[in-house]
N, C-alpha and C. Protein backbone atom coordinates (compact mmCIF):
# COMPACT_ATOMS: atom_id res chain seq x y z
N MET A 1 -3.29 1.06 -25.71
CA MET A 1 -4.37 2.03 -25.04
C MET A 1 -4.78 1.79 -23.78
N THR A 2 -5.02 0.37 -23.38
CA THR A 2 -5.31 -0.05 -21.99
C THR A 2 -4.26 0.71 -21.04
N GLY A 3 -2.73 0.41 -21.60
CA GLY A 3 -1.95 0.83 -20.67
C GLY A 3 -1.71 2.28 -20.41
N LEU A 4 -2.53 3.09 -21.36
CA LEU A 4 -2.05 4.50 -21.30
C LEU A 4 -3.44 5.19 -20.36
N ARG A 5 -4.59 4.38 -20.57
CA ARG A 5 -5.85 4.64 -19.62
C ARG A 5 -5.56 4.47 -18.18
N GLN A 6 -4.59 3.28 -17.92
CA GLN A 6 -4.36 2.78 -16.68
C GLN A 6 -3.37 3.80 -15.93
N LEU A 7 -2.63 4.25 -16.93
CA LEU A 7 -1.51 5.08 -16.20
C LEU A 7 -2.19 6.61 -15.92
N GLN A 8 -3.07 6.66 -16.74
CA GLN A 8 -3.89 7.84 -16.55
C GLN A 8 -4.88 8.13 -15.09
N ARG A 9 -5.13 6.83 -15.13
CA ARG A 9 -5.93 6.72 -13.70
C ARG A 9 -5.02 7.01 -12.53
N GLN A 10 -4.00 6.23 -12.75
CA GLN A 10 -2.83 6.37 -11.85
C GLN A 10 -2.56 7.48 -11.40
N ARG A 11 -2.41 8.35 -12.15
CA ARG A 11 -2.20 9.94 -12.12
C ARG A 11 -3.20 10.80 -11.32
N VAL A 12 -4.32 10.33 -11.75
CA VAL A 12 -5.23 11.12 -11.19
C VAL A 12 -5.75 10.90 -9.75
N HIS A 13 -5.25 9.27 -9.52
CA HIS A 13 -5.55 8.57 -8.27
C HIS A 13 -4.67 9.44 -7.31
N GLU A 14 -3.32 9.76 -7.47
CA GLU A 14 -2.25 10.08 -6.95
C GLU A 14 -2.14 11.62 -6.88
N ALA A 15 -3.11 12.41 -7.87
CA ALA A 15 -3.15 13.75 -7.66
C ALA A 15 -4.35 13.95 -6.60
N ILE A 16 -5.34 13.36 -6.44
CA ILE A 16 -6.32 13.34 -5.43
C ILE A 16 -5.80 12.89 -4.15
N SER A 17 -5.00 11.70 -4.20
CA SER A 17 -4.68 11.39 -2.70
C SER A 17 -3.82 12.80 -1.86
N THR A 18 -2.80 13.08 -3.18
CA THR A 18 -1.81 14.14 -2.45
C THR A 18 -2.43 15.12 -1.96
N ALA A 19 -3.38 15.94 -2.88
CA ALA A 19 -3.84 16.73 -2.30
C ALA A 19 -4.75 16.69 -1.13
N ALA A 20 -5.38 15.75 -1.10
CA ALA A 20 -6.08 15.48 0.37
C ALA A 20 -5.05 15.32 1.35
N ILE A 21 -4.07 14.69 1.35
CA ILE A 21 -3.35 14.31 2.55
C ILE A 21 -2.78 15.67 2.91
N SER A 22 -2.19 16.50 1.79
CA SER A 22 -1.80 17.77 2.17
C SER A 22 -2.77 18.84 3.11
N LEU A 23 -3.76 18.54 2.60
CA LEU A 23 -5.11 19.91 3.08
C LEU A 23 -5.24 19.08 4.35
N PHE A 24 -5.40 17.91 4.64
CA PHE A 24 -5.88 17.24 5.81
C PHE A 24 -4.44 17.40 7.09
N LEU A 25 -3.39 17.37 6.69
CA LEU A 25 -2.36 17.70 7.39
C LEU A 25 -2.18 19.03 7.72
N GLU A 26 -2.27 19.92 7.10
CA GLU A 26 -2.41 21.39 6.92
C GLU A 26 -3.37 21.87 7.92
N ARG A 27 -4.79 21.49 7.86
CA ARG A 27 -6.01 22.05 8.58
C ARG A 27 -6.41 20.95 9.36
N GLY A 28 -6.68 19.55 9.31
CA GLY A 28 -6.74 18.69 10.02
C GLY A 28 -8.11 17.98 9.05
N PHE A 29 -8.39 16.73 9.40
CA PHE A 29 -9.22 15.91 8.46
C PHE A 29 -10.71 16.40 8.63
N ASP A 30 -11.18 16.61 9.73
CA ASP A 30 -12.50 17.29 9.83
C ASP A 30 -12.92 18.66 9.25
N GLU A 31 -11.83 19.33 9.07
CA GLU A 31 -11.71 20.71 8.68
C GLU A 31 -11.79 20.94 7.07
N VAL A 32 -11.49 19.77 6.37
CA VAL A 32 -10.99 20.03 5.06
C VAL A 32 -12.72 19.58 4.23
N PRO A 33 -13.26 20.33 3.62
CA PRO A 33 -14.88 19.49 2.58
C PRO A 33 -14.12 18.88 1.33
N VAL A 34 -14.87 17.92 1.08
CA VAL A 34 -14.15 17.14 -0.12
C VAL A 34 -14.37 17.80 -1.34
N THR A 35 -15.14 18.90 -1.50
CA THR A 35 -15.31 19.81 -2.62
C THR A 35 -13.95 20.76 -2.84
N GLU A 36 -13.27 20.72 -1.59
CA GLU A 36 -12.04 21.69 -1.64
C GLU A 36 -10.88 20.88 -2.05
N ILE A 37 -10.99 19.51 -1.60
CA ILE A 37 -9.88 18.44 -2.49
C ILE A 37 -10.13 18.25 -4.01
N ALA A 38 -11.39 18.21 -4.12
CA ALA A 38 -11.49 17.84 -5.64
C ALA A 38 -11.05 18.76 -6.54
N ALA A 39 -11.30 20.28 -5.93
CA ALA A 39 -10.80 21.56 -6.67
C ALA A 39 -9.33 21.54 -6.68
N ALA A 40 -8.71 21.12 -5.47
CA ALA A 40 -7.34 21.32 -5.44
C ALA A 40 -6.73 20.54 -6.17
N ALA A 41 -7.50 19.22 -6.64
CA ALA A 41 -6.70 18.07 -7.38
C ALA A 41 -7.33 18.07 -8.79
N GLY A 42 -8.08 19.11 -9.20
CA GLY A 42 -8.42 19.69 -10.51
C GLY A 42 -9.59 18.40 -11.07
N VAL A 43 -10.31 17.75 -10.16
CA VAL A 43 -11.35 17.03 -10.80
C VAL A 43 -12.64 17.35 -10.09
N SER A 44 -13.77 16.59 -10.74
CA SER A 44 -14.98 17.08 -9.84
C SER A 44 -15.20 16.18 -8.82
N LYS A 45 -16.20 16.39 -7.88
CA LYS A 45 -16.34 15.72 -6.94
C LYS A 45 -17.01 14.48 -7.22
N PRO A 46 -17.88 14.35 -8.21
CA PRO A 46 -18.44 12.80 -8.41
C PRO A 46 -17.15 12.28 -9.12
N THR A 47 -15.90 12.64 -9.81
CA THR A 47 -14.80 12.28 -10.10
C THR A 47 -14.03 11.45 -8.99
N LEU A 48 -13.83 12.51 -7.75
CA LEU A 48 -13.14 12.00 -6.74
C LEU A 48 -13.52 10.74 -5.91
N PHE A 49 -15.14 10.81 -6.17
CA PHE A 49 -15.68 9.69 -5.53
C PHE A 49 -15.72 8.56 -6.31
N LYS A 50 -15.24 8.68 -7.46
CA LYS A 50 -15.15 7.36 -8.36
C LYS A 50 -13.81 6.62 -7.67
N TYR A 51 -12.81 7.52 -7.46
CA TYR A 51 -11.40 6.88 -6.81
C TYR A 51 -11.66 6.68 -5.60
N PHE A 52 -12.28 7.25 -4.66
CA PHE A 52 -12.12 7.04 -3.32
C PHE A 52 -13.63 7.15 -2.82
N PRO A 53 -14.32 6.18 -2.41
CA PRO A 53 -15.63 6.07 -2.21
C PRO A 53 -16.22 6.75 -0.70
N THR A 54 -15.17 6.88 0.06
CA THR A 54 -15.67 8.00 1.24
C THR A 54 -14.23 8.76 1.56
N LYS A 55 -14.84 9.78 2.23
CA LYS A 55 -13.62 10.68 2.55
C LYS A 55 -12.26 9.90 3.26
N GLU A 56 -12.66 9.03 4.27
CA GLU A 56 -11.79 8.36 5.37
C GLU A 56 -10.69 7.49 4.26
N ASP A 57 -11.23 7.15 3.26
CA ASP A 57 -10.63 6.56 2.06
C ASP A 57 -9.35 7.33 1.49
N LEU A 58 -9.55 8.58 1.62
CA LEU A 58 -8.41 9.71 0.97
C LEU A 58 -7.28 9.41 1.70
N VAL A 59 -7.45 8.80 3.03
CA VAL A 59 -6.09 8.63 3.92
C VAL A 59 -6.03 7.17 4.02
N VAL A 60 -7.20 6.42 4.37
CA VAL A 60 -6.43 4.95 4.58
C VAL A 60 -6.00 4.00 3.54
N HIS A 61 -6.35 4.57 2.32
CA HIS A 61 -5.80 3.85 1.02
C HIS A 61 -4.61 3.74 1.35
N ARG A 62 -3.73 4.41 1.80
CA ARG A 62 -2.27 4.47 2.15
C ARG A 62 -1.81 3.19 2.72
N PHE A 63 -2.93 2.37 3.33
CA PHE A 63 -2.79 1.01 3.88
C PHE A 63 -2.97 0.26 3.02
N ALA A 64 -3.48 0.37 2.12
CA ALA A 64 -3.82 -0.81 0.91
C ALA A 64 -2.76 -1.49 0.49
N ASP A 65 -1.54 -0.92 0.41
CA ASP A 65 -0.54 -1.77 -0.29
C ASP A 65 -0.14 -2.78 0.75
N HIS A 66 -0.57 -2.76 2.05
CA HIS A 66 -0.10 -3.66 3.24
C HIS A 66 -1.41 -4.87 3.16
N GLN A 67 -2.53 -4.67 2.48
CA GLN A 67 -3.77 -5.52 2.68
C GLN A 67 -3.12 -6.76 2.34
N GLY A 68 -3.35 -7.81 3.25
CA GLY A 68 -3.23 -9.08 2.94
C GLY A 68 -1.95 -9.26 3.10
N GLU A 69 -1.00 -8.53 3.70
CA GLU A 69 0.76 -8.78 3.36
C GLU A 69 0.77 -9.90 4.49
N ALA A 70 0.29 -9.90 5.78
CA ALA A 70 0.82 -11.12 6.68
C ALA A 70 0.42 -12.47 6.06
N ALA A 71 -0.67 -12.62 5.73
CA ALA A 71 -1.12 -14.23 5.12
C ALA A 71 -0.01 -14.55 3.60
N ARG A 72 0.44 -13.20 3.11
CA ARG A 72 1.35 -13.53 2.11
C ARG A 72 2.69 -14.10 2.29
N VAL A 73 3.06 -13.12 3.50
CA VAL A 73 4.13 -13.76 4.59
C VAL A 73 4.29 -15.34 4.66
N VAL A 74 3.08 -15.63 5.44
CA VAL A 74 3.16 -17.05 5.84
C VAL A 74 3.05 -17.91 4.74
N ARG A 75 2.42 -17.85 3.64
CA ARG A 75 2.32 -18.71 2.24
C ARG A 75 3.76 -18.66 1.51
N ALA A 76 4.42 -17.42 1.61
CA ALA A 76 5.73 -17.30 0.94
C ALA A 76 7.11 -17.85 1.75
N ARG A 77 6.62 -18.27 3.08
CA ARG A 77 7.90 -18.60 3.86
C ARG A 77 8.68 -19.70 3.54
N ALA A 78 9.79 -19.93 3.89
CA ALA A 78 10.87 -20.67 3.69
C ALA A 78 10.53 -22.17 4.07
N ALA A 79 11.15 -23.12 3.29
CA ALA A 79 10.83 -24.49 3.93
C ALA A 79 11.66 -24.70 5.24
N GLY A 80 10.86 -25.16 6.14
CA GLY A 80 11.15 -25.56 7.47
C GLY A 80 10.84 -24.17 8.11
N GLU A 81 10.38 -22.95 7.84
CA GLU A 81 10.37 -21.80 8.86
C GLU A 81 8.86 -21.90 9.09
N SER A 82 8.44 -21.55 10.26
CA SER A 82 7.15 -21.92 10.61
C SER A 82 6.38 -20.19 10.57
N PRO A 83 5.33 -20.04 10.57
CA PRO A 83 4.37 -19.25 10.32
C PRO A 83 4.89 -18.05 11.19
N LEU A 84 4.98 -18.21 12.48
CA LEU A 84 5.35 -17.14 13.57
C LEU A 84 6.65 -16.42 13.14
N GLU A 85 7.54 -17.32 12.99
CA GLU A 85 9.00 -16.89 12.63
C GLU A 85 9.14 -15.98 11.60
N ALA A 86 8.14 -16.40 10.40
CA ALA A 86 8.38 -15.82 9.15
C ALA A 86 7.55 -14.13 9.45
N LEU A 87 6.48 -14.52 10.42
CA LEU A 87 5.63 -12.98 10.36
C LEU A 87 6.62 -12.01 11.68
N ARG A 88 7.66 -12.88 12.48
CA ARG A 88 8.36 -12.05 13.05
C ARG A 88 9.59 -11.55 12.37
N ARG A 89 10.22 -12.30 11.42
CA ARG A 89 11.29 -11.87 10.66
C ARG A 89 10.64 -10.80 9.67
N HIS A 90 9.55 -10.82 9.06
CA HIS A 90 9.06 -9.92 8.27
C HIS A 90 9.01 -8.44 8.99
N PHE A 91 8.34 -8.59 10.14
CA PHE A 91 8.17 -7.18 11.02
C PHE A 91 9.62 -6.58 11.10
N LEU A 92 10.62 -7.36 11.69
CA LEU A 92 11.79 -6.94 11.77
C LEU A 92 12.61 -6.37 10.94
N ASP A 93 12.30 -7.04 9.47
CA ASP A 93 12.59 -6.34 8.28
C ASP A 93 11.84 -4.81 8.28
N GLY A 94 10.78 -4.93 8.43
CA GLY A 94 10.12 -3.69 8.06
C GLY A 94 10.48 -2.50 9.12
N LEU A 95 10.86 -2.94 10.34
CA LEU A 95 11.75 -1.98 11.23
C LEU A 95 13.04 -1.26 10.59
N ALA A 96 13.93 -2.23 10.08
CA ALA A 96 14.95 -1.83 9.64
C ALA A 96 14.90 -1.22 8.36
N ARG A 97 13.88 -1.45 7.92
CA ARG A 97 13.60 -0.40 6.41
C ARG A 97 12.81 0.86 6.94
N HIS A 98 12.44 0.78 7.93
CA HIS A 98 11.62 2.21 8.52
C HIS A 98 10.56 2.27 7.83
N ASP A 99 9.84 1.07 7.49
CA ASP A 99 8.40 1.07 7.19
C ASP A 99 7.66 2.05 7.85
N PRO A 100 6.77 2.97 7.20
CA PRO A 100 5.83 3.59 8.11
C PRO A 100 4.75 2.83 8.84
N VAL A 101 4.48 1.74 8.39
CA VAL A 101 3.54 0.58 8.87
C VAL A 101 3.75 0.30 9.97
N THR A 102 5.22 0.06 10.26
CA THR A 102 5.81 -0.37 11.64
C THR A 102 5.80 0.75 12.68
N GLY A 103 5.32 2.00 12.40
CA GLY A 103 5.38 3.16 12.99
C GLY A 103 6.63 3.69 13.31
N LEU A 104 7.83 3.30 12.58
CA LEU A 104 9.39 3.48 12.97
C LEU A 104 9.88 4.20 11.87
N ASN A 105 9.10 5.63 11.58
CA ASN A 105 9.52 6.32 10.69
C ASN A 105 9.69 7.78 11.13
N ALA A 106 10.89 8.26 11.33
CA ALA A 106 10.54 9.89 11.74
C ALA A 106 10.51 10.96 10.77
N HIS A 107 9.92 10.60 9.75
CA HIS A 107 9.69 11.81 8.94
C HIS A 107 8.47 12.42 9.25
N PRO A 108 8.62 14.08 9.27
CA PRO A 108 7.61 14.64 10.09
C PRO A 108 6.39 14.60 9.39
N GLU A 109 6.04 14.32 8.25
CA GLU A 109 4.89 14.22 7.67
C GLU A 109 4.66 12.69 7.72
N VAL A 110 5.47 11.78 8.17
CA VAL A 110 4.73 10.43 8.79
C VAL A 110 4.35 10.47 9.90
N VAL A 111 4.92 11.01 10.79
CA VAL A 111 4.66 11.32 12.38
C VAL A 111 3.13 11.84 12.25
N ALA A 112 3.22 12.96 11.61
CA ALA A 112 1.74 13.88 11.58
C ALA A 112 0.82 12.92 10.91
N PHE A 113 1.00 12.05 9.97
CA PHE A 113 0.10 11.38 9.24
C PHE A 113 -0.63 10.44 10.36
N HIS A 114 0.25 9.85 11.08
CA HIS A 114 -0.02 8.75 12.11
C HIS A 114 -0.91 9.34 13.35
N ARG A 115 -0.29 10.65 13.69
CA ARG A 115 -1.14 11.54 14.91
C ARG A 115 -2.46 11.76 14.08
N MET A 116 -2.66 11.98 12.71
CA MET A 116 -3.96 12.37 12.18
C MET A 116 -4.99 10.90 12.39
N VAL A 117 -4.34 9.84 11.90
CA VAL A 117 -5.11 8.84 11.63
C VAL A 117 -5.48 8.21 13.41
N PHE A 118 -4.77 8.32 14.11
CA PHE A 118 -4.84 7.93 15.65
C PHE A 118 -5.74 8.99 16.16
N GLY A 119 -5.70 10.16 15.86
CA GLY A 119 -6.80 11.25 16.59
C GLY A 119 -8.04 11.36 16.19
N THR A 120 -8.36 10.62 14.96
CA THR A 120 -9.67 10.98 14.16
C THR A 120 -10.57 9.69 14.17
N PRO A 121 -11.41 9.67 15.04
CA PRO A 121 -12.27 8.27 15.36
C PRO A 121 -12.54 7.85 14.03
N SER A 122 -13.20 8.57 12.93
CA SER A 122 -13.91 8.01 11.80
C SER A 122 -12.65 7.31 10.89
N LEU A 123 -11.19 7.69 11.24
CA LEU A 123 -10.16 7.17 10.43
C LEU A 123 -9.99 6.09 11.00
N ALA A 124 -9.49 6.18 12.47
CA ALA A 124 -9.26 4.73 13.23
C ALA A 124 -10.15 3.70 13.06
N ALA A 125 -11.54 4.12 12.78
CA ALA A 125 -12.64 2.89 12.64
C ALA A 125 -12.60 2.19 11.32
N ARG A 126 -11.98 3.19 10.17
CA ARG A 126 -11.66 2.53 8.93
C ARG A 126 -10.35 1.71 8.90
N VAL A 127 -9.52 2.21 9.60
CA VAL A 127 -8.55 1.54 9.51
C VAL A 127 -8.91 0.01 10.31
N SER A 128 -9.70 0.04 11.05
CA SER A 128 -10.17 -1.13 12.15
C SER A 128 -10.51 -2.08 11.09
N GLN A 129 -11.38 -1.80 9.95
CA GLN A 129 -12.07 -2.56 8.97
C GLN A 129 -10.87 -3.24 8.34
N TYR A 130 -9.83 -2.35 7.88
CA TYR A 130 -8.66 -2.89 7.05
C TYR A 130 -8.05 -4.28 7.74
N ILE A 131 -8.11 -4.02 9.49
CA ILE A 131 -7.41 -4.95 9.82
C ILE A 131 -8.22 -6.22 10.32
N SER A 132 -9.36 -5.87 10.23
CA SER A 132 -10.75 -7.24 10.66
C SER A 132 -10.20 -7.84 9.26
N LEU A 133 -10.08 -7.31 7.89
CA LEU A 133 -9.92 -8.03 6.71
C LEU A 133 -8.50 -8.73 6.71
N ASP A 134 -7.56 -8.39 6.99
CA ASP A 134 -6.05 -8.72 7.14
C ASP A 134 -6.64 -10.17 8.16
N GLU A 135 -7.20 -9.89 9.33
CA GLU A 135 -7.12 -10.96 10.21
C GLU A 135 -7.80 -12.22 9.71
N GLU A 136 -8.79 -11.91 8.96
CA GLU A 136 -9.55 -13.02 8.20
C GLU A 136 -8.58 -13.85 7.31
N SER A 137 -7.66 -12.85 6.66
CA SER A 137 -6.45 -13.41 5.52
C SER A 137 -5.60 -14.18 6.30
N LEU A 138 -5.30 -13.56 7.34
CA LEU A 138 -4.09 -14.19 8.05
C LEU A 138 -4.58 -15.93 8.38
N ALA A 139 -5.97 -15.46 9.20
CA ALA A 139 -6.24 -16.83 9.64
C ALA A 139 -6.38 -18.04 8.75
N GLY A 140 -6.97 -17.51 7.43
CA GLY A 140 -7.00 -18.32 6.10
C GLY A 140 -5.55 -19.14 5.92
N ALA A 141 -4.57 -18.40 6.02
CA ALA A 141 -3.47 -18.95 5.68
C ALA A 141 -2.91 -19.89 6.67
N LEU A 142 -3.28 -19.39 8.11
CA LEU A 142 -2.72 -20.10 9.12
C LEU A 142 -3.43 -21.57 9.23
N ALA A 143 -4.66 -21.39 8.55
CA ALA A 143 -5.35 -22.60 9.09
C ALA A 143 -4.95 -23.80 7.89
N GLU A 144 -4.13 -23.37 7.16
CA GLU A 144 -3.28 -24.32 6.32
C GLU A 144 -2.50 -25.00 6.59
N THR A 145 -2.18 -25.05 8.16
CA THR A 145 -0.97 -25.35 8.86
C THR A 145 -1.54 -26.02 10.19
N THR A 146 -2.91 -25.51 10.63
CA THR A 146 -3.16 -25.69 11.90
C THR A 146 -4.62 -25.97 11.95
N ASP A 147 -5.50 -26.04 13.17
CA ASP A 147 -6.84 -26.16 13.08
C ASP A 147 -7.46 -24.83 13.00
N ASP A 148 -8.88 -24.44 12.69
CA ASP A 148 -9.47 -23.42 12.24
C ASP A 148 -9.61 -22.40 13.68
N LEU A 149 -9.35 -22.82 14.67
CA LEU A 149 -9.61 -22.06 16.09
C LEU A 149 -8.23 -21.40 16.24
N THR A 150 -7.09 -22.37 16.15
CA THR A 150 -5.82 -22.05 16.55
C THR A 150 -5.30 -20.98 15.56
N ALA A 151 -5.84 -20.95 14.37
CA ALA A 151 -5.63 -20.03 13.43
C ALA A 151 -6.06 -18.72 13.45
N SER A 152 -7.52 -18.84 13.69
CA SER A 152 -8.11 -17.61 14.58
C SER A 152 -7.37 -16.90 15.16
N LEU A 153 -7.36 -17.56 16.47
CA LEU A 153 -6.47 -16.92 17.70
C LEU A 153 -5.08 -16.23 17.48
N LEU A 154 -4.54 -17.06 16.69
CA LEU A 154 -3.14 -16.62 16.24
C LEU A 154 -3.05 -15.62 15.41
N ALA A 155 -3.95 -15.37 14.50
CA ALA A 155 -4.16 -14.49 13.73
C ALA A 155 -4.27 -13.13 14.74
N GLY A 156 -5.52 -13.07 15.60
CA GLY A 156 -5.88 -12.00 16.09
C GLY A 156 -4.65 -11.59 17.16
N GLN A 157 -3.72 -12.36 17.81
CA GLN A 157 -2.99 -12.02 18.58
C GLN A 157 -2.07 -11.18 17.86
N VAL A 158 -1.35 -11.84 16.67
CA VAL A 158 -0.22 -11.47 15.77
C VAL A 158 -0.63 -9.95 15.32
N LEU A 159 -1.72 -9.80 14.99
CA LEU A 159 -2.01 -8.58 14.46
C LEU A 159 -2.07 -7.44 15.37
N ALA A 160 -2.81 -7.88 16.51
CA ALA A 160 -2.98 -6.86 17.73
C ALA A 160 -1.36 -6.82 18.19
N THR A 161 -0.55 -7.66 18.15
CA THR A 161 0.54 -7.42 18.45
C THR A 161 1.46 -6.31 17.57
N GLN A 162 1.15 -6.27 16.46
CA GLN A 162 2.09 -5.61 15.38
C GLN A 162 1.38 -4.38 15.63
N ARG A 163 -0.08 -4.32 15.95
CA ARG A 163 -0.37 -2.51 15.90
C ARG A 163 -0.13 -1.89 17.33
N VAL A 164 -0.06 -2.86 18.31
CA VAL A 164 0.50 -2.24 19.58
C VAL A 164 1.79 -1.59 19.59
N LEU A 165 2.86 -2.59 18.73
CA LEU A 165 3.83 -2.14 18.77
C LEU A 165 4.24 -0.95 17.71
N ALA A 166 3.29 -0.82 16.49
CA ALA A 166 3.52 0.05 15.58
C ALA A 166 2.96 1.44 16.25
N ARG A 167 2.10 1.67 17.17
CA ARG A 167 1.70 2.58 17.87
C ARG A 167 2.66 3.03 18.86
N ARG A 168 3.25 1.93 19.49
CA ARG A 168 4.23 2.57 20.57
C ARG A 168 5.34 3.07 19.98
N ASN A 169 5.90 2.82 18.70
CA ASN A 169 6.98 3.15 17.85
C ASN A 169 6.48 4.70 17.56
N TRP A 170 5.29 5.15 17.16
CA TRP A 170 5.15 6.21 16.45
C TRP A 170 4.97 7.13 17.92
N ALA A 171 4.56 6.65 18.89
CA ALA A 171 4.23 7.65 20.16
C ALA A 171 5.58 8.39 20.74
N LEU A 172 6.73 7.17 20.56
CA LEU A 172 7.93 7.42 21.08
C LEU A 172 8.46 8.51 20.11
N LEU A 173 8.60 8.23 18.92
CA LEU A 173 9.02 9.39 18.09
C LEU A 173 8.35 10.63 17.92
N ALA A 174 6.88 10.85 18.31
CA ALA A 174 6.13 11.93 18.52
C ALA A 174 6.65 12.79 19.54
N GLU A 175 6.95 12.00 20.49
CA GLU A 175 7.65 12.48 21.61
C GLU A 175 8.81 13.41 21.43
N GLY A 176 9.66 12.99 20.50
CA GLY A 176 10.88 13.56 20.52
C GLY A 176 11.98 12.83 20.32
N ARG A 177 11.87 11.46 20.74
CA ARG A 177 12.77 10.46 21.12
C ARG A 177 13.77 10.57 20.05
N PRO A 178 15.06 10.37 20.13
CA PRO A 178 16.13 10.25 18.96
C PRO A 178 15.87 8.85 18.28
N PRO A 179 15.53 8.89 16.76
CA PRO A 179 15.18 7.86 16.11
C PRO A 179 16.44 6.58 16.32
N ALA A 180 17.21 6.65 16.36
CA ALA A 180 18.36 5.60 16.76
C ALA A 180 17.87 4.83 18.01
N GLU A 181 17.77 5.96 18.88
CA GLU A 181 17.30 5.35 20.38
C GLU A 181 16.05 4.49 19.98
N VAL A 182 14.88 5.08 19.49
CA VAL A 182 13.71 4.27 19.55
C VAL A 182 13.63 2.93 18.58
N GLU A 183 14.41 3.02 17.42
CA GLU A 183 14.57 1.87 16.80
C GLU A 183 15.32 0.72 17.34
N ARG A 184 16.38 0.86 18.38
CA ARG A 184 16.87 0.00 19.38
C ARG A 184 15.80 -0.34 20.12
N GLU A 185 14.91 0.31 20.69
CA GLU A 185 13.78 -0.07 21.68
C GLU A 185 12.81 -0.83 21.10
N ALA A 186 12.58 -0.35 19.65
CA ALA A 186 11.56 -1.18 18.64
C ALA A 186 12.05 -2.52 18.32
N VAL A 187 13.37 -2.64 18.43
CA VAL A 187 13.52 -4.08 18.05
C VAL A 187 13.59 -4.96 18.95
N ARG A 188 13.77 -4.72 20.30
CA ARG A 188 13.77 -5.25 21.57
C ARG A 188 12.23 -5.99 21.71
N ALA A 189 11.44 -4.81 21.68
CA ALA A 189 10.27 -4.74 22.02
C ALA A 189 9.43 -5.90 21.15
N ALA A 190 9.76 -5.76 19.67
CA ALA A 190 9.31 -6.82 18.74
C ALA A 190 9.66 -7.94 19.31
N GLU A 191 11.19 -8.28 19.47
CA GLU A 191 11.38 -9.73 20.01
C GLU A 191 10.57 -10.44 21.04
N HIS A 192 10.67 -9.11 22.32
CA HIS A 192 9.97 -9.69 23.67
C HIS A 192 8.27 -10.14 22.83
N ALA A 193 7.53 -9.03 22.35
CA ALA A 193 6.42 -9.76 22.02
C ALA A 193 6.32 -10.85 21.28
N PHE A 194 6.92 -10.93 20.05
CA PHE A 194 6.89 -12.43 19.26
C PHE A 194 7.37 -13.20 19.97
N SER A 195 7.93 -13.12 21.18
CA SER A 195 8.40 -14.47 22.08
C SER A 195 7.17 -14.87 23.05
N MET A 196 6.03 -13.90 23.13
CA MET A 196 5.14 -14.29 23.90
C MET A 196 4.12 -15.01 23.02
N LEU A 197 4.24 -14.92 21.91
CA LEU A 197 2.91 -15.63 21.03
C LEU A 197 3.69 -17.27 21.11
N SER A 198 2.70 -17.75 20.48
CA SER A 198 3.07 -19.39 20.19
C SER A 198 2.45 -19.82 18.91
N CYS A 199 3.00 -20.65 18.07
CA CYS A 199 2.39 -21.21 16.65
C CYS A 199 2.16 -22.72 16.95
N PRO A 200 1.59 -23.40 17.91
CA PRO A 200 1.65 -24.72 17.61
C PRO A 200 1.09 -25.44 16.30
N ASP A 201 1.88 -26.63 16.09
CA ASP A 201 1.53 -27.39 14.87
C ASP A 201 0.32 -28.49 15.54
N SER A 202 -0.66 -27.95 15.84
CA SER A 202 -1.58 -28.83 16.30
C SER A 202 -2.73 -29.72 15.81
N PRO A 203 -3.23 -30.84 15.53
CA PRO A 203 -3.94 -31.46 14.62
C PRO A 203 -5.15 -30.62 14.79
N ARG A 204 -5.92 -30.91 13.71
CA ARG A 204 -7.36 -30.47 14.21
C ARG A 204 -8.21 -31.11 14.73
N PRO A 205 -9.02 -30.16 15.60
CA PRO A 205 -9.49 -31.16 16.81
C PRO A 205 -10.64 -31.84 16.36
N SER A 206 -10.91 -33.14 16.56
CA SER A 206 -12.04 -33.88 16.24
C SER A 206 -13.49 -33.75 16.91
N ASP A 207 -14.45 -34.21 15.73
CA ASP A 207 -15.49 -33.65 16.60
C ASP A 207 -15.86 -34.54 17.77
């Protein structure tokens, strides 16, 4: 019974999300009222807010699958692999998969989705909250290998690097550049960016 209930919740969640994203991409985030989204999804407004606490969450929940991902990559890295090398490899793997989170996905809906997020202040602010939580998680994972200050600094640098790279990739695709050409540039840019970072195995500073 619990499994059926969970499946039903997932279906309702997906129906609301699909209706919202479709309407937002068609008319703009600020132009679509929540009541219209609820009606399109076949649910009441209170039910919608049980699944998505804010209007912004209807969009940025798509980033939720990546929540804490960087920290997981660091903790699951192979023996002998440095945290920074694991993060570099993971980002390059994402480029190869054309993972939307890397900005390297030329599907028109994905390009339009990123345009909406980057161009809507309230959405950009909500994404920043996700990034802050990711930064804390990554710093915690890195602190298992180095001192707290180094871990916090490196976490901020890595996530800022990934954010800049992803936005650059999206911007190039949005300009109409050929995807294959953008992918080659994206790989070179990622290699260059990660080479500028460092992950010293420094001891914890004494008081």
